[in-house]
């Protein structure tokens, strides 16, 4: 079975190959495949999949490219559907980091570091 990381890489590779203009913007973003049906058991630390697999692509963008990437959402959805993904969702990484109610730093520290990295990069 293909991993979520491999699926995200395939998504990026297809965009790079067939849509180089969009890839030039997407390469500044953090692309992640998410399966919201996965739950982690608090006591066992085991990941269980509920019902069917439902994957979507989350694209975390720096503010400079967010609106342009969001405008290309239909094209990105086509690539996602080709790979069997349900949806493509774009997020402004800067807004996520500034949200005072966000617990992303505590719950997903690796994602938090990735978001800081893409927001601070020069384009």
PDB file of N, CA and C in Angstrom:
ATOM      1  N   UNK A   1       0.845  -1.184   0.000  1.00  0.00           N
ATOM      2  CA  UNK A   1       0.000   0.000   0.000  1.00  0.00           C
ATOM      3  C   UNK A   1       0.885   1.241   0.000  1.00  0.00           C
ATOM      4  N   UNK A   2       0.460   2.244  -0.746  1.00  0.00           N
ATOM      5  CA  UNK A   2       1.215   3.484  -0.869  1.00  0.00           C
ATOM      6  C   UNK A   2       1.025   4.346   0.383  1.00  0.00           C
ATOM      7  N   UNK A   3       2.097   4.971   0.837  1.00  0.00           N
ATOM      8  CA  UNK A   3       2.013   5.808   2.032  1.00  0.00           C
ATOM      9  C   UNK A   3       1.499   7.203   1.665  1.00  0.00           C
ATOM     10  N   UNK A   4       1.097   7.939   2.673  1.00  0.00           N
ATOM     11  CA  UNK A   4       0.596   9.290   2.448  1.00  0.00           C
ATOM     12  C   UNK A   4       1.702  10.205   1.926  1.00  0.00           C
ATOM     13  N   UNK A   5       2.930   9.989   2.396  1.00  0.00           N
ATOM     14  CA  UNK A   5       4.063  10.783   1.905  1.00  0.00           C
ATOM     15  C   UNK A   5       4.323  10.515   0.426  1.00  0.00           C
ATOM     16  N   UNK A   6       4.259   9.254   0.039  1.00  0.00           N
ATOM     17  CA  UNK A   6       4.459   8.902  -1.370  1.00  0.00           C
ATOM     18  C   UNK A   6       3.359   9.482  -2.252  1.00  0.00           C
ATOM     19  N   UNK A   7       2.143   9.488  -1.750  1.00  0.00           N
ATOM     20  CA  UNK A   7       1.022  10.047  -2.488  1.00  0.00           C
ATOM     21  C   UNK A   7       1.195  11.556  -2.673  1.00  0.00           C
ATOM     22  N   UNK A   8       1.641  12.240  -1.637  1.00  0.00           N
ATOM     23  CA  UNK A   8       1.911  13.682  -1.737  1.00  0.00           C
ATOM     24  C   UNK A   8       3.028  13.943  -2.744  1.00  0.00           C
ATOM     25  N   UNK A   9       4.046  13.089  -2.748  1.00  0.00           N
ATOM     26  CA  UNK A   9       5.143  13.247  -3.701  1.00  0.00           C
ATOM     27  C   UNK A   9       4.663  13.015  -5.130  1.00  0.00           C
ATOM     28  N   UNK A  10       3.814  12.022  -5.344  1.00  0.00           N
ATOM     29  CA  UNK A  10       3.250  11.779  -6.675  1.00  0.00           C
ATOM     30  C   UNK A  10       2.435  12.977  -7.141  1.00  0.00           C
ATOM     31  N   UNK A  11       1.649  13.550  -6.250  1.00  0.00           N
ATOM     32  CA  UNK A  11       0.863  14.737  -6.571  1.00  0.00           C
ATOM     33  C   UNK A  11       1.791  15.856  -7.037  1.00  0.00           C
ATOM     34  N   UNK A  12       2.834  16.117  -6.267  1.00  0.00           N
ATOM     35  CA  UNK A  12       3.791  17.169  -6.617  1.00  0.00           C
ATOM     36  C   UNK A  12       4.501  16.879  -7.933  1.00  0.00           C
ATOM     37  N   UNK A  13       4.880  15.621  -8.140  1.00  0.00           N
ATOM     38  CA  UNK A  13       5.565  15.235  -9.376  1.00  0.00           C
ATOM     39  C   UNK A  13       4.693  15.460 -10.609  1.00  0.00           C
ATOM     40  N   UNK A  14       3.413  15.123 -10.517  1.00  0.00           N
ATOM     41  CA  UNK A  14       2.504  15.308 -11.648  1.00  0.00           C
ATOM     42  C   UNK A  14       2.329  16.794 -11.955  1.00  0.00           C
ATOM     43  N   UNK A  15       2.162  17.604 -10.918  1.00  0.00           N
ATOM     44  CA  UNK A  15       2.021  19.045 -11.134  1.00  0.00           C
ATOM     45  C   UNK A  15       3.298  19.600 -11.754  1.00  0.00           C
ATOM     46  N   UNK A  16       4.438  19.142 -11.271  1.00  0.00           N
ATOM     47  CA  UNK A  16       5.715  19.616 -11.811  1.00  0.00           C
ATOM     48  C   UNK A  16       5.858  19.252 -13.284  1.00  0.00           C
ATOM     49  N   UNK A  17       5.472  18.046 -13.648  1.00  0.00           N
ATOM     50  CA  UNK A  17       5.625  17.563 -15.018  1.00  0.00           C
ATOM     51  C   UNK A  17       4.662  18.227 -15.994  1.00  0.00           C
ATOM     52  N   UNK A  18       3.399  18.329 -15.609  1.00  0.00           N
ATOM     53  CA  UNK A  18       2.378  18.759 -16.557  1.00  0.00           C
ATOM     54  C   UNK A  18       1.922  20.219 -16.401  1.00  0.00           C
ATOM     55  N   UNK A  19       2.225  20.830 -15.274  1.00  0.00           N
ATOM     56  CA  UNK A  19       1.800  22.217 -15.030  1.00  0.00           C
ATOM     57  C   UNK A  19       2.956  22.991 -14.390  1.00  0.00           C
ATOM     58  N   UNK A  20       4.034  23.216 -15.133  1.00  0.00           N
ATOM     59  CA  UNK A  20       5.232  23.836 -14.544  1.00  0.00           C
ATOM     60  C   UNK A  20       4.994  25.240 -13.976  1.00  0.00           C
ATOM     61  N   UNK A  21       4.066  26.001 -14.553  1.00  0.00           N
ATOM     62  CA  UNK A  21       3.774  27.337 -14.042  1.00  0.00           C
ATOM     63  C   UNK A  21       3.206  27.252 -12.617  1.00  0.00           C
ATOM     64  N   UNK A  22       2.302  26.313 -12.405  1.00  0.00           N
ATOM     65  CA  UNK A  22       1.723  26.120 -11.075  1.00  0.00           C
ATOM     66  C   UNK A  22       2.765  25.518 -10.137  1.00  0.00           C
ATOM     67  N   UNK A  23       3.609  24.638 -10.662  1.00  0.00           N
ATOM     68  CA  UNK A  23       4.659  24.023  -9.841  1.00  0.00           C
ATOM     69  C   UNK A  23       5.607  25.080  -9.272  1.00  0.00           C
ATOM     70  N   UNK A  24       5.902  26.118 -10.053  1.00  0.00           N
ATOM     71  CA  UNK A  24       6.804  27.172  -9.571  1.00  0.00           C
ATOM     72  C   UNK A  24       6.259  27.813  -8.292  1.00  0.00           C
ATOM     73  N   UNK A  25       4.960  27.862  -8.147  1.00  0.00           N
ATOM     74  CA  UNK A  25       4.351  28.385  -6.927  1.00  0.00           C
ATOM     75  C   UNK A  25       4.209  27.300  -5.862  1.00  0.00           C
ATOM     76  N   UNK A  26       3.809  26.115  -6.301  1.00  0.00           N
ATOM     77  CA  UNK A  26       3.576  25.007  -5.370  1.00  0.00           C
ATOM     78  C   UNK A  26       4.852  24.573  -4.652  1.00  0.00           C
ATOM     79  N   UNK A  27       5.976  24.769  -5.286  1.00  0.00           N
ATOM     80  CA  UNK A  27       7.240  24.347  -4.656  1.00  0.00           C
ATOM     81  C   UNK A  27       7.575  25.168  -3.416  1.00  0.00           C
ATOM     82  N   UNK A  28       6.887  26.293  -3.227  1.00  0.00           N
ATOM     83  CA  UNK A  28       7.084  27.114  -2.030  1.00  0.00           C
ATOM     84  C   UNK A  28       6.116  26.729  -0.917  1.00  0.00           C
ATOM     85  N   UNK A  29       5.278  25.745  -1.180  1.00  0.00           N
ATOM     86  CA  UNK A  29       4.246  25.328  -0.230  1.00  0.00           C
ATOM     87  C   UNK A  29       4.600  23.976   0.392  1.00  0.00           C
ATOM     88  N   UNK A  30       3.896  23.648   1.450  1.00  0.00           N
ATOM     89  CA  UNK A  30       4.025  22.340   2.086  1.00  0.00           C
ATOM     90  C   UNK A  30       2.792  21.534   1.708  1.00  0.00           C
ATOM     91  N   UNK A  31       3.001  20.441   0.988  1.00  0.00           N
ATOM     92  CA  UNK A  31       1.911  19.594   0.500  1.00  0.00           C
ATOM     93  C   UNK A  31       1.853  18.346   1.369  1.00  0.00           C
ATOM     94  N   UNK A  32       0.660  18.056   1.860  1.00  0.00           N
ATOM     95  CA  UNK A  32       0.495  16.919   2.768  1.00  0.00           C
ATOM     96  C   UNK A  32      -0.810  16.199   2.452  1.00  0.00           C
ATOM     97  N   UNK A  33      -0.765  14.867   2.441  1.00  0.00           N
ATOM     98  CA  UNK A  33      -1.983  14.075   2.285  1.00  0.00           C
ATOM     99  C   UNK A  33      -2.512  13.789   3.679  1.00  0.00           C
ATOM    100  N   UNK A  34      -3.794  14.010   3.844  1.00  0.00           N
ATOM    101  CA  UNK A  34      -4.419  13.827   5.155  1.00  0.00           C
ATOM    102  C   UNK A  34      -5.557  12.828   5.033  1.00  0.00           C
ATOM    103  N   UNK A  35      -5.631  11.923   5.988  1.00  0.00           N
ATOM    104  CA  UNK A  35      -6.727  10.971   6.086  1.00  0.00           C
ATOM    105  C   UNK A  35      -7.459  11.267   7.388  1.00  0.00           C
ATOM    106  N   UNK A  36      -8.548  12.031   7.314  1.00  0.00           N
ATOM    107  CA  UNK A  36      -9.248  12.400   8.550  1.00  0.00           C
ATOM    108  C   UNK A  36      -9.949  11.232   9.229  1.00  0.00           C
ATOM    109  N   UNK A  37     -10.025  10.088   8.568  1.00  0.00           N
ATOM    110  CA  UNK A  37     -10.672   8.925   9.169  1.00  0.00           C
ATOM    111  C   UNK A  37      -9.732   8.149  10.074  1.00  0.00           C
ATOM    112  N   UNK A  38      -8.479   8.538  10.127  1.00  0.00           N
ATOM    113  CA  UNK A  38      -7.524   7.863  11.009  1.00  0.00           C
ATOM    114  C   UNK A  38      -7.638   8.448  12.404  1.00  0.00           C
ATOM    115  N   UNK A  39      -7.688   7.606  13.367  1.00  0.00           N
ATOM    116  CA  UNK A  39      -7.752   8.039  14.762  1.00  0.00           C
ATOM    117  C   UNK A  39      -6.620   7.365  15.531  1.00  0.00           C
ATOM    118  N   UNK A  40      -6.028   8.109  16.434  1.00  0.00           N
ATOM    119  CA  UNK A  40      -4.966   7.563  17.262  1.00  0.00           C
ATOM    120  C   UNK A  40      -5.545   7.265  18.637  1.00  0.00           C
ATOM    121  N   UNK A  41      -5.399   6.035  19.046  1.00  0.00           N
ATOM    122  CA  UNK A  41      -5.875   5.639  20.359  1.00  0.00           C
ATOM    123  C   UNK A  41      -4.978   6.264  21.420  1.00  0.00           C
ATOM    124  N   UNK A  42      -5.578   6.970  22.363  1.00  0.00           N
ATOM    125  CA  UNK A  42      -4.807   7.666  23.392  1.00  0.00           C
ATOM    126  C   UNK A  42      -4.070   6.685  24.303  1.00  0.00           C
ATOM    127  N   UNK A  43      -4.656   5.533  24.560  1.00  0.00           N
ATOM    128  CA  UNK A  43      -4.036   4.594  25.490  1.00  0.00           C
ATOM    129  C   UNK A  43      -3.035   3.678  24.802  1.00  0.00           C
ATOM    130  N   UNK A  44      -3.327   3.286  23.561  1.00  0.00           N
ATOM    131  CA  UNK A  44      -2.454   2.319  22.895  1.00  0.00           C
ATOM    132  C   UNK A  44      -1.473   2.956  21.927  1.00  0.00           C
ATOM    133  N   UNK A  45      -1.743   4.193  21.504  1.00  0.00           N
ATOM    134  CA  UNK A  45      -0.875   4.832  20.529  1.00  0.00           C
ATOM    135  C   UNK A  45      -0.967   4.162  19.160  1.00  0.00           C
ATOM    136  N   UNK A  46      -2.070   3.497  18.884  1.00  0.00           N
ATOM    137  CA  UNK A  46      -2.252   2.750  17.640  1.00  0.00           C
ATOM    138  C   UNK A  46      -3.139   3.556  16.704  1.00  0.00           C
ATOM    139  N   UNK A  47      -2.786   3.539  15.425  1.00  0.00           N
ATOM    140  CA  UNK A  47      -3.607   4.225  14.428  1.00  0.00           C
ATOM    141  C   UNK A  47      -4.580   3.218  13.844  1.00  0.00           C
ATOM    142  N   UNK A  48      -5.871   3.574  13.874  1.00  0.00           N
ATOM    143  CA  UNK A  48      -6.898   2.722  13.290  1.00  0.00           C
ATOM    144  C   UNK A  48      -7.613   3.514  12.211  1.00  0.00           C
ATOM    145  N   UNK A  49      -7.899   2.883  11.112  1.00  0.00           N
ATOM    146  CA  UNK A  49      -8.663   3.532  10.051  1.00  0.00           C
ATOM    147  C   UNK A  49     -10.124   3.178  10.238  1.00  0.00           C
ATOM    148  N   UNK A  50     -10.980   4.196  10.194  1.00  0.00           N
ATOM    149  CA  UNK A  50     -12.403   3.968  10.338  1.00  0.00           C
ATOM    150  C   UNK A  50     -13.051   3.873   8.971  1.00  0.00           C
ATOM    151  N   UNK A  51     -13.891   2.918   8.774  1.00  0.00           N
ATOM    152  CA  UNK A  51     -14.650   2.731   7.531  1.00  0.00           C
ATOM    153  C   UNK A  51     -13.720   2.720   6.326  1.00  0.00           C
ATOM    154  N   UNK A  52     -13.932   3.631   5.390  1.00  0.00           N
ATOM    155  CA  UNK A  52     -13.140   3.649   4.167  1.00  0.00           C
ATOM    156  C   UNK A  52     -12.069   4.720   4.237  1.00  0.00           C
ATOM    157  N   UNK A  53     -11.077   4.592   3.361  1.00  0.00           N
ATOM    158  CA  UNK A  53     -10.039   5.615   3.285  1.00  0.00           C
ATOM    159  C   UNK A  53     -10.579   6.833   2.558  1.00  0.00           C
ATOM    160  N   UNK A  54     -10.384   7.973   3.141  1.00  0.00           N
ATOM    161  CA  UNK A  54     -10.811   9.246   2.586  1.00  0.00           C
ATOM    162  C   UNK A  54      -9.617  10.173   2.702  1.00  0.00           C
ATOM    163  N   UNK A  55      -8.907  10.361   1.608  1.00  0.00           N
ATOM    164  CA  UNK A  55      -7.706  11.190   1.629  1.00  0.00           C
ATOM    165  C   UNK A  55      -7.953  12.501   0.902  1.00  0.00           C
ATOM    166  N   UNK A  56      -7.317  13.528   1.400  1.00  0.00           N
ATOM    167  CA  UNK A  56      -7.328  14.783   0.662  1.00  0.00           C
ATOM    168  C   UNK A  56      -5.957  15.425   0.767  1.00  0.00           C
ATOM    169  N   UNK A  57      -5.701  16.334  -0.156  1.00  0.00           N
ATOM    170  CA  UNK A  57      -4.434  17.062  -0.181  1.00  0.00           C
ATOM    171  C   UNK A  57      -4.633  18.382   0.545  1.00  0.00           C
ATOM    172  N   UNK A  58      -3.770  18.651   1.491  1.00  0.00           N
ATOM    173  CA  UNK A  58      -3.739  19.952   2.158  1.00  0.00           C
ATOM    174  C   UNK A  58      -2.500  20.670   1.648  1.00  0.00           C
ATOM    175  N   UNK A  59      -2.700  21.874   1.139  1.00  0.00           N
ATOM    176  CA  UNK A  59      -1.588  22.683   0.647  1.00  0.00           C
ATOM    177  C   UNK A  59      -1.478  23.891   1.558  1.00  0.00           C
ATOM    178  N   UNK A  60      -0.386  23.951   2.305  1.00  0.00           N
ATOM    179  CA  UNK A  60      -0.128  25.061   3.213  1.00  0.00           C
ATOM    180  C   UNK A  60       0.773  26.042   2.477  1.00  0.00           C
ATOM    181  N   UNK A  61       0.254  27.242   2.226  1.00  0.00           N
ATOM    182  CA  UNK A  61       0.943  28.216   1.380  1.00  0.00           C
ATOM    183  C   UNK A  61       1.425  29.412   2.179  1.00  0.00           C
ATOM    184  N   UNK A  62       2.563  29.990   1.767  1.00  0.00           N
ATOM    185  CA  UNK A  62       2.932  31.285   2.335  1.00  0.00           C
ATOM    186  C   UNK A  62       1.964  32.341   1.809  1.00  0.00           C
ATOM    187  N   UNK A  63       1.793  33.431   2.521  1.00  0.00           N
ATOM    188  CA  UNK A  63       0.798  34.432   2.117  1.00  0.00           C
ATOM    189  C   UNK A  63       1.013  34.988   0.704  1.00  0.00           C
ATOM    190  N   UNK A  64       2.263  35.047   0.252  1.00  0.00           N
ATOM    191  CA  UNK A  64       2.567  35.625  -1.055  1.00  0.00           C
ATOM    192  C   UNK A  64       1.970  34.824  -2.212  1.00  0.00           C
ATOM    193  N   UNK A  65       1.788  33.523  -2.046  1.00  0.00           N
ATOM    194  CA  UNK A  65       1.293  32.695  -3.152  1.00  0.00           C
ATOM    195  C   UNK A  65      -0.084  32.086  -2.877  1.00  0.00           C
ATOM    196  N   UNK A  66      -0.630  32.343  -1.710  1.00  0.00           N
ATOM    197  CA  UNK A  66      -1.892  31.713  -1.341  1.00  0.00           C
ATOM    198  C   UNK A  66      -3.009  31.984  -2.354  1.00  0.00           C
ATOM    199  N   UNK A  67      -3.226  33.237  -2.718  1.00  0.00           N
ATOM    200  CA  UNK A  67      -4.343  33.556  -3.608  1.00  0.00           C
ATOM    201  C   UNK A  67      -4.143  32.957  -4.996  1.00  0.00           C
ATOM    202  N   UNK A  68      -2.906  32.901  -5.469  1.00  0.00           N
ATOM    203  CA  UNK A  68      -2.655  32.339  -6.798  1.00  0.00           C
ATOM    204  C   UNK A  68      -2.865  30.825  -6.778  1.00  0.00           C
ATOM    205  N   UNK A  69      -2.374  30.156  -5.745  1.00  0.00           N
ATOM    206  CA  UNK A  69      -2.580  28.709  -5.626  1.00  0.00           C
ATOM    207  C   UNK A  69      -4.073  28.408  -5.471  1.00  0.00           C
ATOM    208  N   UNK A  70      -4.770  29.190  -4.662  1.00  0.00           N
ATOM    209  CA  UNK A  70      -6.214  28.976  -4.480  1.00  0.00           C
ATOM    210  C   UNK A  70      -6.960  29.166  -5.801  1.00  0.00           C
ATOM    211  N   UNK A  71      -6.480  30.061  -6.651  1.00  0.00           N
ATOM    212  CA  UNK A  71      -7.114  30.278  -7.954  1.00  0.00           C
ATOM    213  C   UNK A  71      -6.918  29.084  -8.882  1.00  0.00           C
ATOM    214  N   UNK A  72      -5.896  28.298  -8.653  1.00  0.00           N
ATOM    215  CA  UNK A  72      -5.606  27.108  -9.465  1.00  0.00           C
ATOM    216  C   UNK A  72      -6.214  25.838  -8.863  1.00  0.00           C
ATOM    217  N   UNK A  73      -7.132  26.005  -7.947  1.00  0.00           N
ATOM    218  CA  UNK A  73      -7.705  24.874  -7.211  1.00  0.00           C
ATOM    219  C   UNK A  73      -8.350  23.829  -8.128  1.00  0.00           C
ATOM    220  N   UNK A  74      -9.025  24.268  -9.190  1.00  0.00           N
ATOM    221  CA  UNK A  74      -9.665  23.316 -10.104  1.00  0.00           C
ATOM    222  C   UNK A  74      -8.627  22.411 -10.767  1.00  0.00           C
ATOM    223  N   UNK A  75      -7.540  23.008 -11.201  1.00  0.00           N
ATOM    224  CA  UNK A  75      -6.464  22.222 -11.808  1.00  0.00           C
ATOM    225  C   UNK A  75      -5.876  21.239 -10.797  1.00  0.00           C
ATOM    226  N   UNK A  76      -5.663  21.703  -9.582  1.00  0.00           N
ATOM    227  CA  UNK A  76      -5.106  20.846  -8.541  1.00  0.00           C
ATOM    228  C   UNK A  76      -6.089  19.737  -8.160  1.00  0.00           C
ATOM    229  N   UNK A  77      -7.377  20.026  -8.203  1.00  0.00           N
ATOM    230  CA  UNK A  77      -8.396  18.995  -7.938  1.00  0.00           C
ATOM    231  C   UNK A  77      -8.344  17.904  -9.002  1.00  0.00           C
ATOM    232  N   UNK A  78      -8.132  18.299 -10.258  1.00  0.00           N
ATOM    233  CA  UNK A  78      -8.029  17.311 -11.349  1.00  0.00           C
ATOM    234  C   UNK A  78      -6.873  16.349 -11.089  1.00  0.00           C
ATOM    235  N   UNK A  79      -5.740  16.890 -10.692  1.00  0.00           N
ATOM    236  CA  UNK A  79      -4.584  16.034 -10.379  1.00  0.00           C
ATOM    237  C   UNK A  79      -4.914  15.143  -9.195  1.00  0.00           C
ATOM    238  N   UNK A  80      -5.547  15.703  -8.174  1.00  0.00           N
ATOM    239  CA  UNK A  80      -5.930  14.926  -7.002  1.00  0.00           C
ATOM    240  C   UNK A  80      -6.889  13.796  -7.334  1.00  0.00           C
ATOM    241  N   UNK A  81      -7.873  14.080  -8.167  1.00  0.00           N
ATOM    242  CA  UNK A  81      -8.833  13.039  -8.563  1.00  0.00           C
ATOM    243  C   UNK A  81      -8.145  11.931  -9.347  1.00  0.00           C
ATOM    244  N   UNK A  82      -7.186  12.300 -10.165  1.00  0.00           N
ATOM    245  CA  UNK A  82      -6.418  11.308 -10.919  1.00  0.00           C
ATOM    246  C   UNK A  82      -5.724  10.325  -9.976  1.00  0.00           C
ATOM    247  N   UNK A  83      -5.281  10.821  -8.826  1.00  0.00           N
ATOM    248  CA  UNK A  83      -4.600   9.985  -7.838  1.00  0.00           C
ATOM    249  C   UNK A  83      -5.565   9.340  -6.844  1.00  0.00           C
ATOM    250  N   UNK A  84      -6.865   9.593  -7.001  1.00  0.00           N
ATOM    251  CA  UNK A  84      -7.853   8.990  -6.103  1.00  0.00           C
ATOM    252  C   UNK A  84      -8.087   9.778  -4.834  1.00  0.00           C
ATOM    253  N   UNK A  85      -7.687  11.039  -4.820  1.00  0.00           N
ATOM    254  CA  UNK A  85      -7.886  11.883  -3.651  1.00  0.00           C
ATOM    255  C   UNK A  85      -9.253  12.553  -3.736  1.00  0.00           C
ATOM    256  N   UNK A  86      -9.863  12.783  -2.617  1.00  0.00           N
ATOM    257  CA  UNK A  86     -11.216  13.305  -2.573  1.00  0.00           C
ATOM    258  C   UNK A  86     -11.281  14.812  -2.782  1.00  0.00           C
ATOM    259  N   UNK A  87     -10.339  15.558  -2.218  1.00  0.00           N
ATOM    260  CA  UNK A  87     -10.424  17.018  -2.257  1.00  0.00           C
ATOM    261  C   UNK A  87      -9.040  17.636  -2.148  1.00  0.00           C
ATOM    262  N   UNK A  88      -8.937  18.878  -2.573  1.00  0.00           N
ATOM    263  CA  UNK A  88      -7.731  19.684  -2.405  1.00  0.00           C
ATOM    264  C   UNK A  88      -8.131  20.901  -1.585  1.00  0.00           C
ATOM    265  N   UNK A  89      -7.404  21.141  -0.503  1.00  0.00           N
ATOM    266  CA  UNK A  89      -7.709  22.251   0.389  1.00  0.00           C
ATOM    267  C   UNK A  89      -6.457  23.106   0.526  1.00  0.00           C
ATOM    268  N   UNK A  90      -6.615  24.419   0.370  1.00  0.00           N
ATOM    269  CA  UNK A  90      -5.497  25.350   0.496  1.00  0.00           C
ATOM    270  C   UNK A  90      -5.624  26.134   1.802  1.00  0.00           C
ATOM    271  N   UNK A  91      -4.506  26.284   2.487  1.00  0.00           N
ATOM    272  CA  UNK A  91      -4.468  27.031   3.740  1.00  0.00           C
ATOM    273  C   UNK A  91      -3.402  28.109   3.664  1.00  0.00           C
ATOM    274  N   UNK A  92      -3.695  29.262   4.249  1.00  0.00           N
ATOM    275  CA  UNK A  92      -2.693  30.299   4.391  1.00  0.00           C
ATOM    276  C   UNK A  92      -1.906  29.959   5.660  1.00  0.00           C
ATOM    277  N   UNK A  93      -0.671  29.542   5.497  1.00  0.00           N
ATOM    278  CA  UNK A  93       0.142  29.083   6.631  1.00  0.00           C
ATOM    279  C   UNK A  93       0.342  30.182   7.666  1.00  0.00           C
ATOM    280  N   UNK A  94       0.465  31.398   7.227  1.00  0.00           N
ATOM    281  CA  UNK A  94       0.666  32.511   8.152  1.00  0.00           C
ATOM    282  C   UNK A  94      -0.543  32.683   9.075  1.00  0.00           C
ATOM    283  N   UNK A  95      -1.746  32.539   8.524  1.00  0.00           N
ATOM    284  CA  UNK A  95      -2.954  32.655   9.347  1.00  0.00           C
ATOM    285  C   UNK A  95      -3.027  31.552  10.389  1.00  0.00           C
ATOM    286  N   UNK A  96      -2.621  30.363  10.012  1.00  0.00           N
ATOM    287  CA  UNK A  96      -2.636  29.236  10.958  1.00  0.00           C
ATOM    288  C   UNK A  96      -1.669  29.500  12.104  1.00  0.00           C
ATOM    289  N   UNK A  97      -0.488  30.001  11.787  1.00  0.00           N
ATOM    290  CA  UNK A  97       0.521  30.261  12.822  1.00  0.00           C
ATOM    291  C   UNK A  97       0.105  31.399  13.758  1.00  0.00           C
ATOM    292  N   UNK A  98      -0.639  32.374  13.245  1.00  0.00           N
ATOM    293  CA  UNK A  98      -1.058  33.528  14.056  1.00  0.00           C
ATOM    294  C   UNK A  98      -2.342  33.293  14.828  1.00  0.00           C
ATOM    295  N   UNK A  99      -3.024  32.195  14.574  1.00  0.00           N
ATOM    296  CA  UNK A  99      -4.297  31.934  15.239  1.00  0.00           C
ATOM    297  C   UNK A  99      -4.059  31.696  16.733  1.00  0.00           C
ATOM    298  N   UNK A 100      -4.610  32.549  17.593  1.00  0.00           N
ATOM    299  CA  UNK A 100      -4.363  32.400  19.033  1.00  0.00           C
ATOM    300  C   UNK A 100      -4.992  31.135  19.634  1.00  0.00           C
ATOM    301  N   UNK A 101      -5.981  30.559  18.959  1.00  0.00           N
ATOM    302  CA  UNK A 101      -6.622  29.353  19.477  1.00  0.00           C
ATOM    303  C   UNK A 101      -6.001  28.066  18.944  1.00  0.00           C
ATOM    304  N   UNK A 102      -5.059  28.210  18.033  1.00  0.00           N
ATOM    305  CA  UNK A 102      -4.442  27.035  17.427  1.00  0.00           C
ATOM    306  C   UNK A 102      -3.589  26.270  18.440  1.00  0.00           C
ATOM    307  N   UNK A 103      -3.709  24.964  18.398  1.00  0.00           N
ATOM    308  CA  UNK A 103      -2.890  24.090  19.250  1.00  0.00           C
ATOM    309  C   UNK A 103      -1.916  23.285  18.395  1.00  0.00           C
ATOM    310  N   UNK A 104      -1.696  23.750  17.175  1.00  0.00           N
ATOM    311  CA  UNK A 104      -0.877  22.996  16.229  1.00  0.00           C
ATOM    312  C   UNK A 104       0.542  22.778  16.755  1.00  0.00           C
ATOM    313  N   UNK A 105       1.072  23.753  17.484  1.00  0.00           N
ATOM    314  CA  UNK A 105       2.437  23.615  18.019  1.00  0.00           C
ATOM    315  C   UNK A 105       2.529  22.439  18.996  1.00  0.00           C
ATOM    316  N   UNK A 106       1.504  22.255  19.812  1.00  0.00           N
ATOM    317  CA  UNK A 106       1.520  21.176  20.795  1.00  0.00           C
ATOM    318  C   UNK A 106       1.125  19.829  20.183  1.00  0.00           C
ATOM    319  N   UNK A 107       0.130  19.853  19.295  1.00  0.00           N
ATOM    320  CA  UNK A 107      -0.419  18.608  18.761  1.00  0.00           C
ATOM    321  C   UNK A 107       0.396  18.070  17.589  1.00  0.00           C
ATOM    322  N   UNK A 108       0.826  18.959  16.695  1.00  0.00           N
ATOM    323  CA  UNK A 108       1.587  18.561  15.501  1.00  0.00           C
ATOM    324  C   UNK A 108       2.859  19.406  15.382  1.00  0.00           C
ATOM    325  N   UNK A 109       3.835  19.181  16.238  1.00  0.00           N
ATOM    326  CA  UNK A 109       5.029  20.042  16.229  1.00  0.00           C
ATOM    327  C   UNK A 109       5.806  20.010  14.903  1.00  0.00           C
ATOM    328  N   UNK A 110       5.831  18.877  14.222  1.00  0.00           N
ATOM    329  CA  UNK A 110       6.538  18.803  12.940  1.00  0.00           C
ATOM    330  C   UNK A 110       5.860  19.691  11.898  1.00  0.00           C
ATOM    331  N   UNK A 111       4.539  19.644  11.829  1.00  0.00           N
ATOM    332  CA  UNK A 111       3.797  20.504  10.908  1.00  0.00           C
ATOM    333  C   UNK A 111       4.018  21.968  11.259  1.00  0.00           C
ATOM    334  N   UNK A 112       4.015  22.285  12.530  1.00  0.00           N
ATOM    335  CA  UNK A 112       4.240  23.655  12.982  1.00  0.00           C
ATOM    336  C   UNK A 112       5.594  24.163  12.487  1.00  0.00           C
ATOM    337  N   UNK A 113       6.627  23.333  12.593  1.00  0.00           N
ATOM    338  CA  UNK A 113       7.955  23.719  12.106  1.00  0.00           C
ATOM    339  C   UNK A 113       7.967  23.898  10.591  1.00  0.00           C
ATOM    340  N   UNK A 114       7.278  23.013   9.874  1.00  0.00           N
ATOM    341  CA  UNK A 114       7.191  23.138   8.413  1.00  0.00           C
ATOM    342  C   UNK A 114       6.508  24.447   8.028  1.00  0.00           C
ATOM    343  N   UNK A 115       5.448  24.807   8.729  1.00  0.00           N
ATOM    344  CA  UNK A 115       4.733  26.042   8.428  1.00  0.00           C
ATOM    345  C   UNK A 115       5.602  27.269   8.690  1.00  0.00           C
ATOM    346  N   UNK A 116       6.339  27.250   9.780  1.00  0.00           N
ATOM    347  CA  UNK A 116       7.259  28.356  10.057  1.00  0.00           C
ATOM    348  C   UNK A 116       8.289  28.466   8.938  1.00  0.00           C
ATOM    349  N   UNK A 117       8.793  27.337   8.492  1.00  0.00           N
ATOM    350  CA  UNK A 117       9.803  27.336   7.435  1.00  0.00           C
ATOM    351  C   UNK A 117       9.258  27.946   6.148  1.00  0.00           C
ATOM    352  N   UNK A 118       8.052  27.532   5.700  1.00  0.00           N
ATOM    353  CA  UNK A 118       7.556  28.057   4.420  1.00  0.00           C
ATOM    354  C   UNK A 118       7.156  29.530   4.527  1.00  0.00           C
ATOM    355  N   UNK A 119       6.710  29.972   5.690  1.00  0.00           N
ATOM    356  CA  UNK A 119       6.313  31.376   5.849  1.00  0.00           C
ATOM    357  C   UNK A 119       7.540  32.289   5.844  1.00  0.00           C
ATOM    358  N   UNK A 120       8.652  31.810   6.337  1.00  0.00           N
ATOM    359  CA  UNK A 120       9.842  32.657   6.448  1.00  0.00           C
ATOM    360  C   UNK A 120      10.746  32.614   5.216  1.00  0.00           C
ATOM    361  N   UNK A 121      10.466  31.749   4.263  1.00  0.00           N
ATOM    362  CA  UNK A 121      11.292  31.647   3.057  1.00  0.00           C
ATOM    363  C   UNK A 121      11.057  32.842   2.132  1.00  0.00           C
ATOM    364  N   UNK A 122      12.117  33.252   1.464  1.00  0.00           N
ATOM    365  CA  UNK A 122      12.017  34.303   0.448  1.00  0.00           C
ATOM    366  C   UNK A 122      11.587  33.648  -0.857  1.00  0.00           C
ATOM    367  N   UNK A 123      10.712  34.315  -1.596  1.00  0.00           N
ATOM    368  CA  UNK A 123      10.258  33.789  -2.887  1.00  0.00           C
ATOM    369  C   UNK A 123      11.089  34.307  -4.026  1.00  0.00           C
TER     370      UNK A 123
END
